[in-house]
């Protein structure tokens, strides 16, 4: 049983990945694969964790690895996190300076496209 669903769309030339379920040791490889596919196609990537119920260190690791891979290819990743506990996990690991964290998809799209409100 897959406990993570990833719905991928394109908005304003940004690959938008909306995750639902659990991002953990069992499902992190799926996210890594999807980010790698998006990096290969080119363009910025938005990963929305708005509907992620559980996030562990492997899930965070997949976000970090995907962000690193994207930046090495000349693009970026923005991560939408609305959960205070998930945001706290990122802060405890001191990754908020590395990851582009935003509170909403609209904010993340603006960060990735350079668009103003």
N, C-alpha and C. Protein backbone atom coordinates (compact mmCIF):
# COMPACT_ATOMS: atom_id res chain seq x y z
N UNK A 1 0.84 -1.19 0.00
CA UNK A 1 0.00 0.00 0.00
C UNK A 1 0.88 1.24 0.00
N UNK A 2 0.66 2.13 -0.96
CA UNK A 2 1.42 3.37 -1.04
C UNK A 2 0.79 4.40 -0.12
N UNK A 3 1.56 4.86 0.84
CA UNK A 3 1.04 5.82 1.82
C UNK A 3 1.32 7.25 1.42
N UNK A 4 1.84 7.46 0.20
CA UNK A 4 2.13 8.79 -0.29
C UNK A 4 1.60 8.92 -1.70
N UNK A 5 0.84 9.97 -1.93
CA UNK A 5 0.36 10.29 -3.27
C UNK A 5 1.02 11.59 -3.70
N UNK A 6 1.53 11.62 -4.93
CA UNK A 6 2.16 12.82 -5.47
C UNK A 6 1.42 13.18 -6.75
N UNK A 7 0.74 14.32 -6.72
CA UNK A 7 0.04 14.82 -7.90
C UNK A 7 0.90 15.93 -8.49
N UNK A 8 1.22 15.80 -9.77
CA UNK A 8 2.13 16.75 -10.42
C UNK A 8 1.39 17.53 -11.49
N UNK A 9 1.50 18.87 -11.41
CA UNK A 9 0.94 19.77 -12.41
C UNK A 9 2.01 20.80 -12.77
N UNK A 10 1.71 21.63 -13.75
CA UNK A 10 2.60 22.72 -14.11
C UNK A 10 1.82 24.02 -14.02
N UNK A 11 2.39 24.99 -13.31
CA UNK A 11 1.77 26.30 -13.17
C UNK A 11 2.84 27.36 -13.36
N UNK A 12 2.61 28.25 -14.32
CA UNK A 12 3.57 29.33 -14.62
C UNK A 12 4.97 28.77 -14.85
N UNK A 13 5.08 27.69 -15.59
CA UNK A 13 6.36 27.03 -15.91
C UNK A 13 7.05 26.42 -14.69
N UNK A 14 6.31 26.26 -13.60
CA UNK A 14 6.83 25.63 -12.38
C UNK A 14 6.21 24.25 -12.24
N UNK A 15 7.04 23.25 -11.98
CA UNK A 15 6.54 21.90 -11.70
C UNK A 15 6.02 21.90 -10.26
N UNK A 16 4.73 21.67 -10.09
CA UNK A 16 4.11 21.69 -8.77
C UNK A 16 3.80 20.25 -8.35
N UNK A 17 4.39 19.85 -7.22
CA UNK A 17 4.15 18.52 -6.66
C UNK A 17 3.36 18.67 -5.37
N UNK A 18 2.14 18.15 -5.38
CA UNK A 18 1.30 18.20 -4.18
C UNK A 18 1.29 16.81 -3.55
N UNK A 19 1.84 16.74 -2.34
CA UNK A 19 1.96 15.46 -1.65
C UNK A 19 0.81 15.29 -0.66
N UNK A 20 0.32 14.07 -0.57
CA UNK A 20 -0.71 13.71 0.38
C UNK A 20 -0.31 12.41 1.05
N UNK A 21 -0.40 12.36 2.37
CA UNK A 21 -0.09 11.13 3.10
C UNK A 21 1.12 11.26 3.99
N UNK A 22 1.99 10.26 3.94
CA UNK A 22 3.16 10.20 4.83
C UNK A 22 4.44 10.25 4.01
N UNK A 23 5.34 11.14 4.40
CA UNK A 23 6.64 11.24 3.76
C UNK A 23 7.67 10.73 4.76
N UNK A 24 8.04 9.47 4.58
CA UNK A 24 8.89 8.81 5.57
C UNK A 24 9.88 7.87 4.90
N UNK A 25 10.49 7.01 5.67
CA UNK A 25 11.52 6.10 5.16
C UNK A 25 11.01 5.25 4.00
N UNK A 26 9.74 4.89 4.03
CA UNK A 26 9.20 4.02 2.98
C UNK A 26 8.83 4.79 1.72
N UNK A 27 8.47 6.07 1.85
CA UNK A 27 7.96 6.82 0.71
C UNK A 27 8.93 7.88 0.18
N UNK A 28 9.96 8.20 0.93
CA UNK A 28 10.93 9.22 0.50
C UNK A 28 11.55 8.91 -0.86
N UNK A 29 11.87 7.65 -1.18
CA UNK A 29 12.44 7.37 -2.50
C UNK A 29 11.53 7.80 -3.66
N UNK A 30 10.22 7.71 -3.48
CA UNK A 30 9.29 8.16 -4.52
C UNK A 30 9.44 9.65 -4.77
N UNK A 31 9.55 10.43 -3.71
CA UNK A 31 9.73 11.87 -3.86
C UNK A 31 11.07 12.17 -4.52
N UNK A 32 12.12 11.48 -4.09
CA UNK A 32 13.44 11.69 -4.72
C UNK A 32 13.37 11.42 -6.22
N UNK A 33 12.70 10.35 -6.61
CA UNK A 33 12.57 10.00 -8.03
C UNK A 33 11.80 11.08 -8.80
N UNK A 34 10.70 11.55 -8.22
CA UNK A 34 9.88 12.57 -8.89
C UNK A 34 10.64 13.88 -9.03
N UNK A 35 11.39 14.26 -8.00
CA UNK A 35 12.18 15.48 -8.10
C UNK A 35 13.27 15.31 -9.17
N UNK A 36 13.92 14.15 -9.21
CA UNK A 36 14.94 13.89 -10.23
C UNK A 36 14.34 13.99 -11.63
N UNK A 37 13.15 13.46 -11.83
CA UNK A 37 12.47 13.55 -13.12
C UNK A 37 12.18 15.00 -13.49
N UNK A 38 11.73 15.77 -12.50
CA UNK A 38 11.43 17.19 -12.75
C UNK A 38 12.69 17.97 -13.06
N UNK A 39 13.77 17.69 -12.35
CA UNK A 39 15.04 18.36 -12.61
C UNK A 39 15.51 18.07 -14.03
N UNK A 40 15.35 16.83 -14.47
CA UNK A 40 15.77 16.45 -15.82
C UNK A 40 14.98 17.21 -16.89
N UNK A 41 13.74 17.55 -16.59
CA UNK A 41 12.90 18.28 -17.54
C UNK A 41 13.23 19.77 -17.53
N UNK A 42 13.82 20.25 -16.43
CA UNK A 42 14.18 21.66 -16.31
C UNK A 42 13.08 22.49 -15.67
N UNK A 43 13.48 23.62 -15.12
CA UNK A 43 12.52 24.54 -14.51
C UNK A 43 12.41 24.35 -13.02
N UNK A 44 11.91 25.37 -12.35
CA UNK A 44 11.77 25.32 -10.89
C UNK A 44 10.71 24.32 -10.44
N UNK A 45 10.83 23.93 -9.17
CA UNK A 45 9.96 22.90 -8.60
C UNK A 45 9.36 23.39 -7.29
N UNK A 46 8.07 23.22 -7.14
CA UNK A 46 7.38 23.53 -5.90
C UNK A 46 6.91 22.20 -5.30
N UNK A 47 7.26 21.94 -4.05
CA UNK A 47 6.81 20.73 -3.36
C UNK A 47 5.91 21.18 -2.22
N UNK A 48 4.64 20.83 -2.30
CA UNK A 48 3.68 21.22 -1.27
C UNK A 48 3.46 20.08 -0.28
N UNK A 49 3.76 20.37 0.98
CA UNK A 49 3.52 19.40 2.06
C UNK A 49 2.25 19.72 2.83
N UNK A 50 1.39 20.56 2.26
CA UNK A 50 0.18 20.99 2.96
C UNK A 50 -0.66 19.82 3.45
N UNK A 51 -0.71 18.73 2.68
CA UNK A 51 -1.55 17.59 3.05
C UNK A 51 -0.73 16.40 3.53
N UNK A 52 0.53 16.64 3.90
CA UNK A 52 1.36 15.57 4.45
C UNK A 52 1.07 15.46 5.94
N UNK A 53 0.65 14.27 6.36
CA UNK A 53 0.26 14.03 7.74
C UNK A 53 1.44 13.68 8.63
N UNK A 54 2.50 13.12 8.02
CA UNK A 54 3.67 12.69 8.80
C UNK A 54 4.92 12.93 7.97
N UNK A 55 5.94 13.50 8.60
CA UNK A 55 7.21 13.79 7.95
C UNK A 55 8.33 13.36 8.88
N UNK A 56 9.20 12.45 8.39
CA UNK A 56 10.33 12.03 9.23
C UNK A 56 11.64 12.50 8.61
N UNK A 57 12.75 12.11 9.21
CA UNK A 57 14.05 12.59 8.76
C UNK A 57 14.38 12.13 7.34
N UNK A 58 13.92 10.96 6.94
CA UNK A 58 14.17 10.51 5.57
C UNK A 58 13.40 11.37 4.57
N UNK A 59 12.20 11.78 4.94
CA UNK A 59 11.42 12.68 4.09
C UNK A 59 12.12 14.02 3.94
N UNK A 60 12.62 14.54 5.06
CA UNK A 60 13.37 15.79 5.02
C UNK A 60 14.63 15.61 4.18
N UNK A 61 15.28 14.47 4.33
CA UNK A 61 16.47 14.17 3.54
C UNK A 61 16.18 14.18 2.05
N UNK A 62 15.02 13.68 1.65
CA UNK A 62 14.63 13.68 0.23
C UNK A 62 14.45 15.11 -0.26
N UNK A 63 13.90 15.98 0.57
CA UNK A 63 13.74 17.39 0.20
C UNK A 63 15.09 18.06 0.03
N UNK A 64 16.00 17.79 0.96
CA UNK A 64 17.35 18.37 0.90
C UNK A 64 18.09 17.87 -0.34
N UNK A 65 18.05 16.56 -0.58
CA UNK A 65 18.74 15.99 -1.75
C UNK A 65 18.16 16.53 -3.05
N UNK A 66 16.85 16.64 -3.12
CA UNK A 66 16.21 17.18 -4.32
C UNK A 66 16.57 18.64 -4.54
N UNK A 67 16.60 19.40 -3.47
CA UNK A 67 16.97 20.81 -3.58
C UNK A 67 18.41 20.95 -4.05
N UNK A 68 19.29 20.15 -3.49
CA UNK A 68 20.70 20.19 -3.90
C UNK A 68 20.85 19.83 -5.38
N UNK A 69 20.17 18.77 -5.80
CA UNK A 69 20.23 18.34 -7.20
C UNK A 69 19.69 19.43 -8.12
N UNK A 70 18.59 20.04 -7.74
CA UNK A 70 18.01 21.11 -8.57
C UNK A 70 18.96 22.29 -8.68
N UNK A 71 19.52 22.70 -7.58
CA UNK A 71 20.43 23.85 -7.60
C UNK A 71 21.68 23.56 -8.41
N UNK A 72 22.18 22.34 -8.33
CA UNK A 72 23.35 21.96 -9.15
C UNK A 72 23.02 22.00 -10.64
N UNK A 73 21.73 21.87 -10.97
CA UNK A 73 21.28 21.93 -12.37
C UNK A 73 20.84 23.33 -12.76
N UNK A 74 20.99 24.28 -11.85
CA UNK A 74 20.67 25.67 -12.16
C UNK A 74 19.25 26.09 -11.90
N UNK A 75 18.51 25.32 -11.12
CA UNK A 75 17.13 25.69 -10.80
C UNK A 75 16.95 25.63 -9.28
N UNK A 76 15.72 25.76 -8.81
CA UNK A 76 15.50 25.77 -7.37
C UNK A 76 14.22 25.00 -7.02
N UNK A 77 14.09 24.75 -5.74
CA UNK A 77 12.92 24.08 -5.17
C UNK A 77 12.40 24.95 -4.04
N UNK A 78 11.09 25.15 -4.01
CA UNK A 78 10.45 25.81 -2.87
C UNK A 78 9.53 24.78 -2.23
N UNK A 79 9.52 24.77 -0.91
CA UNK A 79 8.72 23.79 -0.16
C UNK A 79 7.64 24.54 0.62
N UNK A 80 6.39 24.12 0.44
CA UNK A 80 5.28 24.71 1.18
C UNK A 80 5.03 23.87 2.42
N UNK A 81 5.18 24.51 3.57
CA UNK A 81 4.94 23.84 4.85
C UNK A 81 4.01 24.71 5.66
N UNK A 82 2.87 24.16 6.04
CA UNK A 82 1.92 24.90 6.87
C UNK A 82 1.88 24.36 8.30
N UNK A 83 2.32 23.14 8.49
CA UNK A 83 2.31 22.51 9.81
C UNK A 83 3.42 23.07 10.68
N UNK A 84 3.06 23.52 11.87
CA UNK A 84 4.05 24.03 12.82
C UNK A 84 5.03 22.95 13.24
N UNK A 85 4.57 21.71 13.40
CA UNK A 85 5.48 20.65 13.82
C UNK A 85 6.48 20.31 12.71
N UNK A 86 6.03 20.34 11.46
CA UNK A 86 6.96 20.09 10.35
C UNK A 86 7.96 21.23 10.23
N UNK A 87 7.49 22.46 10.37
CA UNK A 87 8.38 23.62 10.32
C UNK A 87 9.40 23.54 11.45
N UNK A 88 8.95 23.12 12.61
CA UNK A 88 9.85 22.98 13.77
C UNK A 88 10.93 21.93 13.48
N UNK A 89 10.55 20.83 12.85
CA UNK A 89 11.53 19.80 12.50
C UNK A 89 12.62 20.36 11.59
N UNK A 90 12.23 21.17 10.63
CA UNK A 90 13.18 21.79 9.71
C UNK A 90 14.10 22.74 10.48
N UNK A 91 13.52 23.51 11.41
CA UNK A 91 14.31 24.47 12.19
C UNK A 91 15.28 23.78 13.14
N UNK A 92 14.85 22.69 13.77
CA UNK A 92 15.72 21.95 14.69
C UNK A 92 16.95 21.44 13.95
N UNK A 93 16.74 21.03 12.71
CA UNK A 93 17.85 20.52 11.89
C UNK A 93 18.64 21.66 11.24
N UNK A 94 18.22 22.90 11.50
CA UNK A 94 18.89 24.10 10.98
C UNK A 94 18.92 24.11 9.44
N UNK A 95 17.82 23.67 8.84
CA UNK A 95 17.73 23.61 7.38
C UNK A 95 16.94 24.76 6.78
N UNK A 96 16.39 25.64 7.62
CA UNK A 96 15.57 26.72 7.08
C UNK A 96 16.40 27.69 6.23
N UNK A 97 17.70 27.75 6.46
CA UNK A 97 18.57 28.62 5.63
C UNK A 97 18.88 27.96 4.28
N UNK A 98 18.81 26.64 4.22
CA UNK A 98 19.11 25.92 2.97
C UNK A 98 17.86 25.75 2.11
N UNK A 99 16.77 25.31 2.73
CA UNK A 99 15.53 25.08 2.01
C UNK A 99 14.76 26.39 1.85
N UNK A 100 14.12 26.57 0.71
CA UNK A 100 13.25 27.72 0.49
C UNK A 100 11.86 27.30 0.99
N UNK A 101 11.54 27.74 2.22
CA UNK A 101 10.27 27.36 2.86
C UNK A 101 9.28 28.51 2.71
N UNK A 102 8.07 28.19 2.31
CA UNK A 102 7.01 29.18 2.19
C UNK A 102 5.74 28.65 2.85
N UNK A 103 4.86 29.56 3.23
CA UNK A 103 3.64 29.21 3.96
C UNK A 103 2.46 28.89 3.05
N UNK A 104 2.58 29.21 1.74
CA UNK A 104 1.47 28.93 0.82
C UNK A 104 2.04 28.67 -0.57
N UNK A 105 1.23 28.04 -1.40
CA UNK A 105 1.65 27.78 -2.78
C UNK A 105 1.84 29.09 -3.54
N UNK A 106 0.97 30.06 -3.31
CA UNK A 106 1.09 31.35 -4.00
C UNK A 106 2.41 32.02 -3.65
N UNK A 107 2.77 31.99 -2.39
CA UNK A 107 4.04 32.57 -1.94
C UNK A 107 5.22 31.83 -2.56
N UNK A 108 5.13 30.51 -2.61
CA UNK A 108 6.22 29.70 -3.20
C UNK A 108 6.34 29.97 -4.70
N UNK A 109 5.23 30.08 -5.40
CA UNK A 109 5.27 30.38 -6.83
C UNK A 109 5.93 31.73 -7.07
N UNK A 110 5.60 32.72 -6.24
CA UNK A 110 6.24 34.04 -6.38
C UNK A 110 7.74 33.94 -6.14
N UNK A 111 8.14 33.15 -5.15
CA UNK A 111 9.57 33.00 -4.85
C UNK A 111 10.30 32.36 -6.01
N UNK A 112 9.68 31.41 -6.68
CA UNK A 112 10.33 30.68 -7.76
C UNK A 112 10.33 31.43 -9.09
N UNK A 113 9.31 32.26 -9.30
CA UNK A 113 9.19 32.94 -10.60
C UNK A 113 9.65 34.39 -10.53
N UNK A 114 9.86 34.89 -9.33
CA UNK A 114 10.26 36.28 -9.18
C UNK A 114 9.12 37.24 -9.40
N UNK A 115 7.90 36.72 -9.43
CA UNK A 115 6.73 37.57 -9.66
C UNK A 115 6.38 38.32 -8.39
N UNK A 116 5.82 39.48 -8.55
CA UNK A 116 5.36 40.26 -7.40
C UNK A 116 3.85 40.04 -7.26
N UNK A 117 3.35 40.44 -6.11
CA UNK A 117 1.92 40.27 -5.87
C UNK A 117 1.20 41.19 -6.79
